[in-house]
Amino acid sequence: MIDTIIFDNEGIVIDTEHIWDKEQEIFLGRRGICYRRSETKHLLGGRSIAEGAKILKKKFNLYEDDTVLSNERFLIVKDLFNTEVKFIKGFMDFYERIRNKYKTCIATSMNEDLLSIVDQKLSLKELFNGHVYSLKHVGFKSKPNPDIFLYTAEKVKSKPETCIVFEDSPIGITAAIVAGMKCIGLTTTYTKRKLKKANFVYNSFSEINPDTLHLMG
């Protein structure tokens, strides 16, 4: 029986997809490259800024140093986060209905500095009683490795089989499955087809009945 809900952060708790699209449009535009979301987005979902920089470098044959590219991406997106970050539509209503019924936590691949900005603006750590965990806690082993989910479950004293993960990316879903957890996919970033490995896929939080989550175990 499910007793713990682990939320990915971006695309699940906070709405940042439009921010990343803008960042990539600006980043590539500086190099005379047109950003086409359908060709690029699936390569970057769930990746760190540094990993994404390497992927973009390889895809578009960029010549700059990896660190230079990573730092440039960070500075662009940092400015956008400071002005445009917000909660995913319907998240807070859903969260208020489940927060006293389940252990809740965040497991994210977000850059620590960006996570700090989000925390300052939206009080994430207070909302989740301090249970906000990132890749720094698992030696920066990013998804699809299951480490971040397993670590998070351990910190809230839950077994993997009693956890359900909310994810918006294919590699995040893979990480949850490898961790031995159930997974709900939300189409905030990708289509249902791309999230088909999840146990359940919904278009929004409003479609989910919080009273039946415990039965998914």
N, C-alpha and C. Protein backbone atom coordinates (compact mmCIF):
# COMPACT_ATOMS: atom_id res chain seq x y z
N MET A 1 0.84 -1.20 0.00
CA MET A 1 0.00 0.00 0.00
C MET A 1 0.88 1.25 0.00
N ILE A 2 0.51 2.21 -0.81
CA ILE A 2 1.29 3.45 -0.94
C ILE A 2 1.14 4.31 0.31
N ASP A 3 2.29 4.74 0.87
CA ASP A 3 2.24 5.67 2.01
C ASP A 3 3.12 6.90 1.79
N THR A 4 3.83 6.94 0.65
CA THR A 4 4.77 8.03 0.38
C THR A 4 4.63 8.51 -1.06
N ILE A 5 4.60 9.81 -1.23
CA ILE A 5 4.55 10.39 -2.57
C ILE A 5 5.81 11.22 -2.79
N ILE A 6 6.56 10.84 -3.82
CA ILE A 6 7.79 11.55 -4.19
C ILE A 6 7.52 12.35 -5.46
N PHE A 7 7.67 13.65 -5.36
CA PHE A 7 7.44 14.53 -6.50
C PHE A 7 8.76 14.91 -7.16
N ASP A 8 8.86 14.71 -8.46
CA ASP A 8 9.88 15.43 -9.20
C ASP A 8 9.52 16.91 -9.06
N ASN A 9 10.45 17.79 -9.32
CA ASN A 9 10.17 19.21 -9.08
C ASN A 9 9.69 19.92 -10.34
N GLU A 10 10.57 20.05 -11.31
CA GLU A 10 10.22 20.80 -12.51
C GLU A 10 9.22 20.01 -13.37
N GLY A 11 8.16 20.69 -13.76
CA GLY A 11 7.14 20.05 -14.56
C GLY A 11 6.11 19.31 -13.73
N ILE A 12 6.36 19.18 -12.44
CA ILE A 12 5.42 18.51 -11.53
C ILE A 12 4.98 19.47 -10.43
N VAL A 13 5.92 20.02 -9.70
CA VAL A 13 5.61 20.98 -8.64
C VAL A 13 5.68 22.41 -9.18
N ILE A 14 6.76 22.72 -9.87
CA ILE A 14 6.93 24.08 -10.39
C ILE A 14 6.90 24.09 -11.91
N ASP A 15 6.38 25.17 -12.44
CA ASP A 15 6.20 25.33 -13.88
C ASP A 15 7.40 26.06 -14.45
N THR A 16 8.31 25.31 -15.07
CA THR A 16 9.53 25.93 -15.61
C THR A 16 9.78 25.60 -17.08
N GLU A 17 8.90 24.80 -17.68
CA GLU A 17 9.16 24.38 -19.06
C GLU A 17 9.27 25.56 -20.01
N HIS A 18 8.43 26.57 -19.83
CA HIS A 18 8.51 27.75 -20.68
C HIS A 18 9.83 28.49 -20.46
N ILE A 19 10.35 28.41 -19.23
CA ILE A 19 11.63 29.05 -18.93
C ILE A 19 12.77 28.36 -19.68
N TRP A 20 12.78 27.02 -19.63
CA TRP A 20 13.84 26.30 -20.32
C TRP A 20 13.76 26.47 -21.83
N ASP A 21 12.53 26.54 -22.36
CA ASP A 21 12.38 26.79 -23.79
C ASP A 21 12.99 28.15 -24.16
N LYS A 22 12.73 29.15 -23.33
CA LYS A 22 13.29 30.47 -23.58
C LYS A 22 14.82 30.44 -23.50
N GLU A 23 15.32 29.73 -22.47
CA GLU A 23 16.78 29.64 -22.31
C GLU A 23 17.42 29.04 -23.54
N GLN A 24 16.87 27.94 -24.02
CA GLN A 24 17.46 27.26 -25.18
C GLN A 24 17.31 28.09 -26.45
N GLU A 25 16.21 28.81 -26.55
CA GLU A 25 16.03 29.70 -27.70
C GLU A 25 17.09 30.81 -27.69
N ILE A 26 17.32 31.39 -26.52
CA ILE A 26 18.34 32.45 -26.40
C ILE A 26 19.74 31.88 -26.64
N PHE A 27 20.03 30.77 -25.96
CA PHE A 27 21.36 30.15 -26.05
C PHE A 27 21.72 29.79 -27.49
N LEU A 28 20.82 29.12 -28.17
CA LEU A 28 21.09 28.73 -29.56
C LEU A 28 21.01 29.92 -30.51
N GLY A 29 20.11 30.85 -30.21
CA GLY A 29 19.96 32.02 -31.06
C GLY A 29 21.23 32.85 -31.13
N ARG A 30 21.98 32.88 -30.03
CA ARG A 30 23.25 33.61 -30.02
C ARG A 30 24.25 33.01 -31.01
N ARG A 31 23.99 31.78 -31.39
CA ARG A 31 24.88 31.08 -32.31
C ARG A 31 24.27 30.91 -33.70
N GLY A 32 23.20 31.64 -33.93
CA GLY A 32 22.55 31.60 -35.23
C GLY A 32 21.79 30.32 -35.49
N ILE A 33 21.41 29.62 -34.42
CA ILE A 33 20.70 28.34 -34.56
C ILE A 33 19.26 28.52 -34.10
N CYS A 34 18.33 28.04 -34.90
CA CYS A 34 16.92 28.12 -34.55
C CYS A 34 16.55 26.98 -33.60
N TYR A 35 15.96 27.32 -32.48
CA TYR A 35 15.54 26.31 -31.50
C TYR A 35 14.24 25.66 -31.96
N ARG A 36 14.29 24.37 -32.22
CA ARG A 36 13.10 23.60 -32.57
C ARG A 36 12.84 22.62 -31.43
N ARG A 37 11.81 22.89 -30.67
CA ARG A 37 11.52 22.14 -29.45
C ARG A 37 11.41 20.64 -29.69
N SER A 38 10.72 20.26 -30.76
CA SER A 38 10.48 18.84 -31.03
C SER A 38 11.76 18.07 -31.31
N GLU A 39 12.79 18.77 -31.74
CA GLU A 39 14.06 18.12 -32.07
C GLU A 39 15.01 18.06 -30.88
N THR A 40 14.78 18.89 -29.89
CA THR A 40 15.76 19.08 -28.83
C THR A 40 15.25 18.72 -27.44
N LYS A 41 13.98 19.02 -27.16
CA LYS A 41 13.46 18.91 -25.80
C LYS A 41 13.64 17.53 -25.19
N HIS A 42 13.37 16.48 -25.96
CA HIS A 42 13.45 15.11 -25.42
C HIS A 42 14.86 14.72 -25.04
N LEU A 43 15.85 15.41 -25.56
CA LEU A 43 17.25 15.12 -25.24
C LEU A 43 17.66 15.72 -23.90
N LEU A 44 16.94 16.75 -23.46
CA LEU A 44 17.37 17.53 -22.30
C LEU A 44 16.55 17.29 -21.04
N GLY A 45 15.35 16.74 -21.17
CA GLY A 45 14.48 16.54 -20.03
C GLY A 45 15.11 15.70 -18.93
N GLY A 46 15.12 16.22 -17.70
CA GLY A 46 15.68 15.49 -16.58
C GLY A 46 17.19 15.58 -16.45
N ARG A 47 17.82 16.29 -17.36
CA ARG A 47 19.29 16.43 -17.34
C ARG A 47 19.69 17.68 -16.57
N SER A 48 20.90 17.66 -16.03
CA SER A 48 21.44 18.85 -15.37
C SER A 48 21.84 19.87 -16.43
N ILE A 49 22.10 21.09 -15.99
CA ILE A 49 22.53 22.14 -16.93
C ILE A 49 23.82 21.73 -17.63
N ALA A 50 24.77 21.17 -16.87
CA ALA A 50 26.05 20.76 -17.45
C ALA A 50 25.86 19.63 -18.46
N GLU A 51 25.03 18.64 -18.10
CA GLU A 51 24.78 17.54 -19.03
C GLU A 51 24.10 18.06 -20.29
N GLY A 52 23.15 18.97 -20.10
CA GLY A 52 22.46 19.53 -21.25
C GLY A 52 23.38 20.31 -22.16
N ALA A 53 24.35 21.00 -21.57
CA ALA A 53 25.32 21.76 -22.37
C ALA A 53 26.14 20.82 -23.26
N LYS A 54 26.53 19.69 -22.70
CA LYS A 54 27.29 18.71 -23.48
C LYS A 54 26.45 18.13 -24.61
N ILE A 55 25.18 17.89 -24.33
CA ILE A 55 24.28 17.36 -25.35
C ILE A 55 24.09 18.36 -26.49
N LEU A 56 23.88 19.62 -26.12
CA LEU A 56 23.71 20.67 -27.14
C LEU A 56 25.00 20.86 -27.94
N LYS A 57 26.13 20.77 -27.26
CA LYS A 57 27.43 20.92 -27.93
C LYS A 57 27.60 19.85 -29.01
N LYS A 58 27.25 18.63 -28.65
CA LYS A 58 27.40 17.52 -29.60
C LYS A 58 26.39 17.62 -30.74
N LYS A 59 25.14 17.94 -30.41
CA LYS A 59 24.09 17.99 -31.43
C LYS A 59 24.33 19.08 -32.45
N PHE A 60 24.82 20.25 -31.99
CA PHE A 60 24.96 21.39 -32.88
C PHE A 60 26.41 21.72 -33.22
N ASN A 61 27.32 20.79 -32.87
CA ASN A 61 28.74 20.95 -33.21
C ASN A 61 29.31 22.28 -32.71
N LEU A 62 29.02 22.58 -31.45
CA LEU A 62 29.53 23.81 -30.85
C LEU A 62 30.99 23.63 -30.46
N TYR A 63 31.75 24.70 -30.52
CA TYR A 63 33.20 24.58 -30.32
C TYR A 63 33.65 25.01 -28.93
N GLU A 64 32.79 25.73 -28.18
CA GLU A 64 33.22 26.26 -26.89
C GLU A 64 33.45 25.16 -25.86
N ASP A 65 34.20 25.50 -24.84
CA ASP A 65 34.48 24.59 -23.74
C ASP A 65 33.19 24.23 -23.00
N ASP A 66 33.12 23.00 -22.51
CA ASP A 66 31.92 22.53 -21.80
C ASP A 66 31.53 23.45 -20.65
N THR A 67 32.52 23.86 -19.88
CA THR A 67 32.26 24.71 -18.72
C THR A 67 31.73 26.07 -19.13
N VAL A 68 32.28 26.63 -20.20
CA VAL A 68 31.82 27.92 -20.71
C VAL A 68 30.36 27.83 -21.14
N LEU A 69 30.02 26.77 -21.85
CA LEU A 69 28.65 26.58 -22.31
C LEU A 69 27.69 26.39 -21.13
N SER A 70 28.12 25.60 -20.16
CA SER A 70 27.29 25.35 -18.98
C SER A 70 27.04 26.64 -18.20
N ASN A 71 28.09 27.43 -18.01
CA ASN A 71 27.96 28.69 -17.27
C ASN A 71 27.05 29.67 -17.99
N GLU A 72 27.15 29.69 -19.31
CA GLU A 72 26.29 30.59 -20.08
C GLU A 72 24.83 30.20 -19.94
N ARG A 73 24.55 28.91 -20.04
CA ARG A 73 23.17 28.43 -19.86
C ARG A 73 22.64 28.80 -18.48
N PHE A 74 23.48 28.64 -17.48
CA PHE A 74 23.06 28.94 -16.11
C PHE A 74 22.70 30.40 -15.94
N LEU A 75 23.52 31.30 -16.46
CA LEU A 75 23.27 32.73 -16.30
C LEU A 75 21.98 33.15 -17.00
N ILE A 76 21.72 32.56 -18.16
CA ILE A 76 20.49 32.88 -18.88
C ILE A 76 19.27 32.44 -18.07
N VAL A 77 19.31 31.19 -17.63
CA VAL A 77 18.13 30.63 -16.97
C VAL A 77 17.95 31.21 -15.56
N LYS A 78 19.04 31.61 -14.93
CA LYS A 78 18.94 32.22 -13.60
C LYS A 78 18.11 33.51 -13.66
N ASP A 79 18.36 34.32 -14.65
CA ASP A 79 17.59 35.56 -14.81
C ASP A 79 16.11 35.26 -15.02
N LEU A 80 15.83 34.22 -15.80
CA LEU A 80 14.45 33.86 -16.08
C LEU A 80 13.75 33.30 -14.83
N PHE A 81 14.46 32.50 -14.05
CA PHE A 81 13.89 31.93 -12.83
C PHE A 81 13.51 33.04 -11.85
N ASN A 82 14.32 34.07 -11.78
CA ASN A 82 14.08 35.15 -10.83
C ASN A 82 12.78 35.90 -11.10
N THR A 83 12.28 35.81 -12.32
CA THR A 83 11.10 36.59 -12.67
C THR A 83 9.89 35.74 -13.06
N GLU A 84 10.08 34.47 -13.43
CA GLU A 84 8.97 33.74 -14.06
C GLU A 84 8.58 32.42 -13.40
N VAL A 85 9.26 31.97 -12.35
CA VAL A 85 8.94 30.68 -11.77
C VAL A 85 7.62 30.73 -10.99
N LYS A 86 6.85 29.64 -11.09
CA LYS A 86 5.55 29.55 -10.40
C LYS A 86 5.18 28.08 -10.23
N PHE A 87 4.14 27.82 -9.43
CA PHE A 87 3.67 26.44 -9.25
C PHE A 87 2.92 25.96 -10.50
N ILE A 88 3.00 24.65 -10.75
CA ILE A 88 2.20 24.03 -11.80
C ILE A 88 0.71 24.22 -11.47
N LYS A 89 -0.07 24.49 -12.47
CA LYS A 89 -1.50 24.67 -12.28
C LYS A 89 -2.12 23.42 -11.63
N GLY A 90 -2.83 23.61 -10.56
CA GLY A 90 -3.51 22.52 -9.88
C GLY A 90 -2.69 21.81 -8.83
N PHE A 91 -1.37 22.08 -8.79
CA PHE A 91 -0.54 21.36 -7.82
C PHE A 91 -0.94 21.67 -6.38
N MET A 92 -1.07 22.93 -6.02
CA MET A 92 -1.33 23.28 -4.63
C MET A 92 -2.67 22.74 -4.15
N ASP A 93 -3.68 22.77 -5.00
CA ASP A 93 -4.98 22.20 -4.62
C ASP A 93 -4.84 20.71 -4.33
N PHE A 94 -4.10 20.01 -5.21
CA PHE A 94 -3.87 18.58 -5.03
C PHE A 94 -3.07 18.32 -3.76
N TYR A 95 -2.02 19.11 -3.57
CA TYR A 95 -1.13 18.90 -2.43
C TYR A 95 -1.86 19.10 -1.11
N GLU A 96 -2.71 20.07 -1.04
CA GLU A 96 -3.45 20.32 0.19
C GLU A 96 -4.34 19.13 0.56
N ARG A 97 -4.75 18.35 -0.44
CA ARG A 97 -5.62 17.21 -0.20
C ARG A 97 -4.86 15.95 0.24
N ILE A 98 -3.55 15.92 -0.03
CA ILE A 98 -2.80 14.70 0.29
C ILE A 98 -1.73 14.88 1.35
N ARG A 99 -1.41 16.10 1.69
CA ARG A 99 -0.22 16.36 2.54
C ARG A 99 -0.34 15.76 3.93
N ASN A 100 -1.54 15.59 4.44
CA ASN A 100 -1.72 15.02 5.77
C ASN A 100 -2.03 13.53 5.74
N LYS A 101 -2.08 12.96 4.54
CA LYS A 101 -2.42 11.55 4.39
C LYS A 101 -1.19 10.69 4.01
N TYR A 102 -0.19 11.33 3.44
CA TYR A 102 1.00 10.63 2.96
C TYR A 102 2.26 11.38 3.39
N LYS A 103 3.36 10.65 3.44
CA LYS A 103 4.66 11.31 3.54
C LYS A 103 4.94 11.92 2.16
N THR A 104 5.37 13.16 2.12
CA THR A 104 5.61 13.83 0.84
C THR A 104 7.01 14.41 0.80
N CYS A 105 7.60 14.40 -0.38
CA CYS A 105 8.97 14.88 -0.55
C CYS A 105 9.23 15.20 -2.02
N ILE A 106 10.33 15.90 -2.24
CA ILE A 106 10.77 16.25 -3.60
C ILE A 106 12.11 15.59 -3.87
N ALA A 107 12.24 15.02 -5.06
CA ALA A 107 13.52 14.47 -5.54
C ALA A 107 13.79 15.10 -6.90
N THR A 108 14.79 15.96 -6.97
CA THR A 108 14.97 16.77 -8.17
C THR A 108 16.40 16.73 -8.72
N SER A 109 16.50 16.97 -10.01
CA SER A 109 17.81 17.09 -10.67
C SER A 109 18.21 18.55 -10.85
N MET A 110 17.45 19.45 -10.25
CA MET A 110 17.70 20.88 -10.44
C MET A 110 19.07 21.31 -9.94
N ASN A 111 19.63 22.27 -10.63
CA ASN A 111 20.84 22.95 -10.17
C ASN A 111 20.59 23.56 -8.80
N GLU A 112 21.56 23.45 -7.90
CA GLU A 112 21.38 23.91 -6.52
C GLU A 112 21.09 25.41 -6.42
N ASP A 113 21.74 26.20 -7.24
CA ASP A 113 21.50 27.65 -7.19
C ASP A 113 20.09 27.99 -7.66
N LEU A 114 19.62 27.29 -8.68
CA LEU A 114 18.26 27.52 -9.16
C LEU A 114 17.24 27.03 -8.13
N LEU A 115 17.55 25.91 -7.51
CA LEU A 115 16.66 25.37 -6.47
C LEU A 115 16.55 26.36 -5.31
N SER A 116 17.64 27.02 -5.00
CA SER A 116 17.65 28.03 -3.94
C SER A 116 16.74 29.21 -4.29
N ILE A 117 16.78 29.62 -5.56
CA ILE A 117 15.90 30.71 -6.02
C ILE A 117 14.44 30.31 -5.86
N VAL A 118 14.13 29.09 -6.30
CA VAL A 118 12.75 28.59 -6.20
C VAL A 118 12.31 28.53 -4.75
N ASP A 119 13.21 28.06 -3.88
CA ASP A 119 12.87 27.95 -2.46
C ASP A 119 12.58 29.33 -1.87
N GLN A 120 13.37 30.30 -2.24
CA GLN A 120 13.16 31.66 -1.73
C GLN A 120 11.82 32.23 -2.19
N LYS A 121 11.42 31.92 -3.42
CA LYS A 121 10.21 32.49 -3.97
C LYS A 121 8.95 31.71 -3.57
N LEU A 122 9.07 30.38 -3.48
CA LEU A 122 7.89 29.55 -3.26
C LEU A 122 7.92 28.76 -1.96
N SER A 123 8.98 28.90 -1.17
CA SER A 123 9.10 28.24 0.15
C SER A 123 8.92 26.72 0.06
N LEU A 124 9.63 26.09 -0.85
CA LEU A 124 9.50 24.65 -1.05
C LEU A 124 9.87 23.84 0.18
N LYS A 125 10.99 24.19 0.82
CA LYS A 125 11.44 23.40 1.96
C LYS A 125 10.45 23.49 3.12
N GLU A 126 9.87 24.64 3.30
CA GLU A 126 8.85 24.78 4.33
C GLU A 126 7.62 23.96 3.98
N LEU A 127 7.23 24.00 2.70
CA LEU A 127 6.06 23.27 2.24
C LEU A 127 6.21 21.77 2.42
N PHE A 128 7.45 21.26 2.23
CA PHE A 128 7.70 19.83 2.32
C PHE A 128 8.44 19.44 3.61
N ASN A 129 8.36 20.30 4.61
CA ASN A 129 8.97 20.01 5.91
C ASN A 129 10.44 19.61 5.81
N GLY A 130 11.15 20.27 4.90
CA GLY A 130 12.58 20.04 4.74
C GLY A 130 12.94 18.88 3.84
N HIS A 131 11.96 18.13 3.38
CA HIS A 131 12.25 16.94 2.58
C HIS A 131 12.34 17.28 1.09
N VAL A 132 13.36 18.05 0.76
CA VAL A 132 13.67 18.41 -0.63
C VAL A 132 15.09 17.94 -0.91
N TYR A 133 15.22 16.97 -1.82
CA TYR A 133 16.52 16.33 -2.06
C TYR A 133 16.92 16.48 -3.53
N SER A 134 18.22 16.66 -3.73
CA SER A 134 18.73 16.89 -5.07
C SER A 134 19.94 16.00 -5.35
N LEU A 135 20.50 16.15 -6.52
CA LEU A 135 21.59 15.27 -6.94
C LEU A 135 22.84 15.38 -6.08
N LYS A 136 23.00 16.50 -5.38
CA LYS A 136 24.17 16.62 -4.51
C LYS A 136 24.15 15.57 -3.41
N HIS A 137 22.97 15.07 -3.08
CA HIS A 137 22.85 14.08 -2.02
C HIS A 137 23.24 12.67 -2.50
N VAL A 138 23.36 12.48 -3.81
CA VAL A 138 23.68 11.15 -4.34
C VAL A 138 24.87 11.18 -5.28
N GLY A 139 25.81 12.08 -4.99
CA GLY A 139 27.02 12.14 -5.80
C GLY A 139 26.77 12.58 -7.23
N PHE A 140 25.69 13.36 -7.43
CA PHE A 140 25.33 13.89 -8.75
C PHE A 140 25.07 12.80 -9.79
N LYS A 141 24.55 11.68 -9.33
CA LYS A 141 24.12 10.61 -10.24
C LYS A 141 22.70 10.92 -10.69
N SER A 142 22.58 11.38 -11.92
CA SER A 142 21.28 11.87 -12.39
C SER A 142 20.41 10.73 -12.93
N LYS A 143 19.14 11.01 -13.07
CA LYS A 143 18.21 10.08 -13.69
C LYS A 143 18.69 9.80 -15.12
N PRO A 144 18.53 8.59 -15.63
CA PRO A 144 17.67 7.49 -15.18
C PRO A 144 18.24 6.61 -14.07
N ASN A 145 19.39 6.98 -13.48
CA ASN A 145 19.84 6.25 -12.30
C ASN A 145 18.78 6.42 -11.20
N PRO A 146 18.51 5.38 -10.43
CA PRO A 146 17.46 5.45 -9.41
C PRO A 146 17.89 6.07 -8.10
N ASP A 147 19.16 6.46 -7.99
CA ASP A 147 19.74 6.86 -6.71
C ASP A 147 18.96 7.95 -5.98
N ILE A 148 18.52 8.99 -6.69
CA ILE A 148 17.84 10.10 -6.03
C ILE A 148 16.52 9.65 -5.41
N PHE A 149 15.82 8.74 -6.06
CA PHE A 149 14.56 8.25 -5.52
C PHE A 149 14.78 7.32 -4.33
N LEU A 150 15.79 6.48 -4.43
CA LEU A 150 16.09 5.56 -3.33
C LEU A 150 16.57 6.32 -2.10
N TYR A 151 17.39 7.32 -2.34
CA TYR A 151 17.88 8.14 -1.22
C TYR A 151 16.72 8.87 -0.54
N THR A 152 15.84 9.43 -1.34
CA THR A 152 14.70 10.17 -0.80
C THR A 152 13.80 9.26 0.04
N ALA A 153 13.54 8.06 -0.46
CA ALA A 153 12.73 7.09 0.29
C ALA A 153 13.39 6.76 1.62
N GLU A 154 14.69 6.58 1.59
CA GLU A 154 15.43 6.26 2.81
C GLU A 154 15.32 7.40 3.83
N LYS A 155 15.40 8.64 3.36
CA LYS A 155 15.37 9.78 4.27
C LYS A 155 14.01 9.94 4.96
N VAL A 156 12.96 9.51 4.29
CA VAL A 156 11.63 9.62 4.93
C VAL A 156 11.19 8.28 5.52
N LYS A 157 12.17 7.33 5.57
CA LYS A 157 11.95 6.02 6.19
C LYS A 157 10.81 5.25 5.53
N SER A 158 10.87 5.19 4.21
CA SER A 158 9.87 4.44 3.44
C SER A 158 10.55 3.37 2.60
N LYS A 159 9.84 2.31 2.31
CA LYS A 159 10.32 1.27 1.41
C LYS A 159 9.95 1.64 -0.02
N PRO A 160 10.79 1.30 -1.00
CA PRO A 160 10.48 1.64 -2.40
C PRO A 160 9.10 1.19 -2.85
N GLU A 161 8.69 0.00 -2.42
CA GLU A 161 7.40 -0.52 -2.88
C GLU A 161 6.20 0.22 -2.30
N THR A 162 6.43 1.08 -1.31
CA THR A 162 5.32 1.87 -0.76
C THR A 162 5.34 3.31 -1.28
N CYS A 163 6.20 3.58 -2.26
CA CYS A 163 6.33 4.93 -2.81
C CYS A 163 5.72 5.02 -4.20
N ILE A 164 5.12 6.16 -4.47
CA ILE A 164 4.70 6.46 -5.83
C ILE A 164 5.34 7.78 -6.25
N VAL A 165 5.93 7.77 -7.43
CA VAL A 165 6.66 8.93 -7.95
C VAL A 165 5.81 9.67 -8.98
N PHE A 166 5.78 10.99 -8.88
CA PHE A 166 5.14 11.82 -9.90
C PHE A 166 6.24 12.38 -10.79
N GLU A 167 6.18 12.06 -12.08
CA GLU A 167 7.22 12.46 -13.02
C GLU A 167 6.62 13.02 -14.31
N ASP A 168 7.42 13.83 -14.99
CA ASP A 168 6.97 14.37 -16.28
C ASP A 168 7.91 14.00 -17.42
N SER A 169 8.96 13.22 -17.14
CA SER A 169 9.93 12.89 -18.19
C SER A 169 10.15 11.39 -18.30
N PRO A 170 10.43 10.90 -19.50
CA PRO A 170 10.69 9.47 -19.70
C PRO A 170 11.84 8.94 -18.85
N ILE A 171 12.93 9.70 -18.73
CA ILE A 171 14.06 9.17 -17.96
C ILE A 171 13.76 9.18 -16.47
N GLY A 172 12.90 10.10 -16.03
CA GLY A 172 12.48 10.11 -14.63
C GLY A 172 11.61 8.90 -14.33
N ILE A 173 10.74 8.56 -15.26
CA ILE A 173 9.89 7.37 -15.11
C ILE A 173 10.75 6.12 -15.07
N THR A 174 11.75 6.05 -15.93
CA THR A 174 12.67 4.90 -15.91
C THR A 174 13.36 4.78 -14.57
N ALA A 175 13.80 5.91 -14.01
CA ALA A 175 14.47 5.90 -12.71
C ALA A 175 13.54 5.37 -11.62
N ALA A 176 12.29 5.78 -11.66
CA ALA A 176 11.31 5.32 -10.66
C ALA A 176 11.09 3.81 -10.78
N ILE A 177 10.97 3.33 -12.00
CA ILE A 177 10.75 1.90 -12.22
C ILE A 177 11.94 1.09 -11.73
N VAL A 178 13.14 1.54 -12.07
CA VAL A 178 14.36 0.85 -11.63
C VAL A 178 14.46 0.86 -10.11
N ALA A 179 13.95 1.91 -9.48
CA ALA A 179 13.98 2.00 -8.02
C ALA A 179 12.95 1.08 -7.37
N GLY A 180 12.08 0.48 -8.18
CA GLY A 180 11.07 -0.41 -7.64
C GLY A 180 9.84 0.32 -7.12
N MET A 181 9.58 1.50 -7.67
CA MET A 181 8.45 2.32 -7.23
C MET A 181 7.39 2.42 -8.32
N LYS A 182 6.17 2.67 -7.91
CA LYS A 182 5.11 2.97 -8.86
C LYS A 182 5.32 4.39 -9.37
N CYS A 183 4.72 4.69 -10.52
CA CYS A 183 4.97 6.00 -11.12
C CYS A 183 3.72 6.54 -11.81
N ILE A 184 3.43 7.80 -11.57
CA ILE A 184 2.39 8.54 -12.28
C ILE A 184 3.07 9.55 -13.19
N GLY A 185 2.72 9.53 -14.45
CA GLY A 185 3.25 10.50 -15.39
C GLY A 185 2.26 11.62 -15.63
N LEU A 186 2.75 12.85 -15.70
CA LEU A 186 1.92 14.01 -16.04
C LEU A 186 2.41 14.60 -17.35
N THR A 187 1.48 14.90 -18.24
CA THR A 187 1.84 15.38 -19.58
C THR A 187 2.08 16.89 -19.61
N THR A 188 2.73 17.40 -18.60
CA THR A 188 3.07 18.82 -18.57
C THR A 188 4.22 19.16 -19.52
N THR A 189 4.99 18.14 -19.88
CA THR A 189 6.16 18.36 -20.73
C THR A 189 6.16 17.47 -21.96
N TYR A 190 5.79 16.21 -21.79
CA TYR A 190 5.81 15.24 -22.88
C TYR A 190 4.42 14.66 -23.10
N THR A 191 4.23 14.03 -24.27
CA THR A 191 2.95 13.42 -24.61
C THR A 191 2.75 12.12 -23.84
N LYS A 192 1.51 11.65 -23.81
CA LYS A 192 1.20 10.38 -23.15
C LYS A 192 2.02 9.24 -23.74
N ARG A 193 2.21 9.28 -25.03
CA ARG A 193 2.97 8.21 -25.68
C ARG A 193 4.38 8.12 -25.14
N LYS A 194 5.01 9.25 -24.91
CA LYS A 194 6.38 9.25 -24.40
C LYS A 194 6.45 8.84 -22.92
N LEU A 195 5.31 8.93 -22.22
CA LEU A 195 5.28 8.59 -20.80
C LEU A 195 4.63 7.23 -20.55
N LYS A 196 4.49 6.44 -21.58
CA LYS A 196 3.70 5.20 -21.51
C LYS A 196 4.24 4.16 -20.54
N LYS A 197 5.50 4.27 -20.12
CA LYS A 197 6.06 3.30 -19.17
C LYS A 197 5.57 3.53 -17.75
N ALA A 198 4.98 4.69 -17.50
CA ALA A 198 4.43 4.96 -16.17
C ALA A 198 3.23 4.05 -15.91
N ASN A 199 2.93 3.80 -14.65
CA ASN A 199 1.77 2.98 -14.32
C ASN A 199 0.46 3.66 -14.71
N PHE A 200 0.44 4.97 -14.55
CA PHE A 200 -0.73 5.77 -14.91
C PHE A 200 -0.23 7.08 -15.50
N VAL A 201 -0.97 7.60 -16.47
CA VAL A 201 -0.60 8.88 -17.09
C VAL A 201 -1.83 9.79 -17.10
N TYR A 202 -1.63 11.03 -16.63
CA TYR A 202 -2.73 12.00 -16.58
C TYR A 202 -2.27 13.29 -17.25
N ASN A 203 -3.27 14.08 -17.66
CA ASN A 203 -2.96 15.37 -18.28
C ASN A 203 -2.79 16.48 -17.26
N SER A 204 -3.41 16.31 -16.09
CA SER A 204 -3.34 17.35 -15.07
C SER A 204 -3.65 16.76 -13.71
N PHE A 205 -3.35 17.51 -12.66
CA PHE A 205 -3.65 17.07 -11.30
C PHE A 205 -5.15 16.93 -11.07
N SER A 206 -5.94 17.72 -11.78
CA SER A 206 -7.39 17.68 -11.58
C SER A 206 -8.00 16.34 -11.97
N GLU A 207 -7.29 15.54 -12.77
CA GLU A 207 -7.78 14.24 -13.20
C GLU A 207 -7.52 13.15 -12.17
N ILE A 208 -6.68 13.43 -11.18
CA ILE A 208 -6.25 12.41 -10.23
C ILE A 208 -7.12 12.44 -8.98
N ASN A 209 -7.59 11.28 -8.57
CA ASN A 209 -8.36 11.16 -7.33
C ASN A 209 -7.41 10.86 -6.18
N PRO A 210 -7.14 11.82 -5.32
CA PRO A 210 -6.19 11.61 -4.22
C PRO A 210 -6.58 10.47 -3.29
N ASP A 211 -7.88 10.18 -3.21
CA ASP A 211 -8.36 9.16 -2.28
C ASP A 211 -8.06 7.74 -2.73
N THR A 212 -7.60 7.57 -3.96
CA THR A 212 -7.31 6.22 -4.46
C THR A 212 -5.82 5.94 -4.62
N LEU A 213 -4.98 6.91 -4.29
CA LEU A 213 -3.54 6.72 -4.48
C LEU A 213 -3.00 5.56 -3.67
N HIS A 214 -3.51 5.36 -2.45
CA HIS A 214 -2.99 4.30 -1.59
C HIS A 214 -3.25 2.92 -2.17
N LEU A 215 -4.18 2.83 -3.10
CA LEU A 215 -4.53 1.54 -3.71
C LEU A 215 -3.62 1.15 -4.86
N MET A 216 -2.72 2.05 -5.25
CA MET A 216 -1.86 1.78 -6.41
C MET A 216 -0.68 0.88 -6.09
N GLY A 217 -0.47 0.58 -4.81
CA GLY A 217 0.65 -0.26 -4.43
C GLY A 217 0.44 -1.71 -4.79
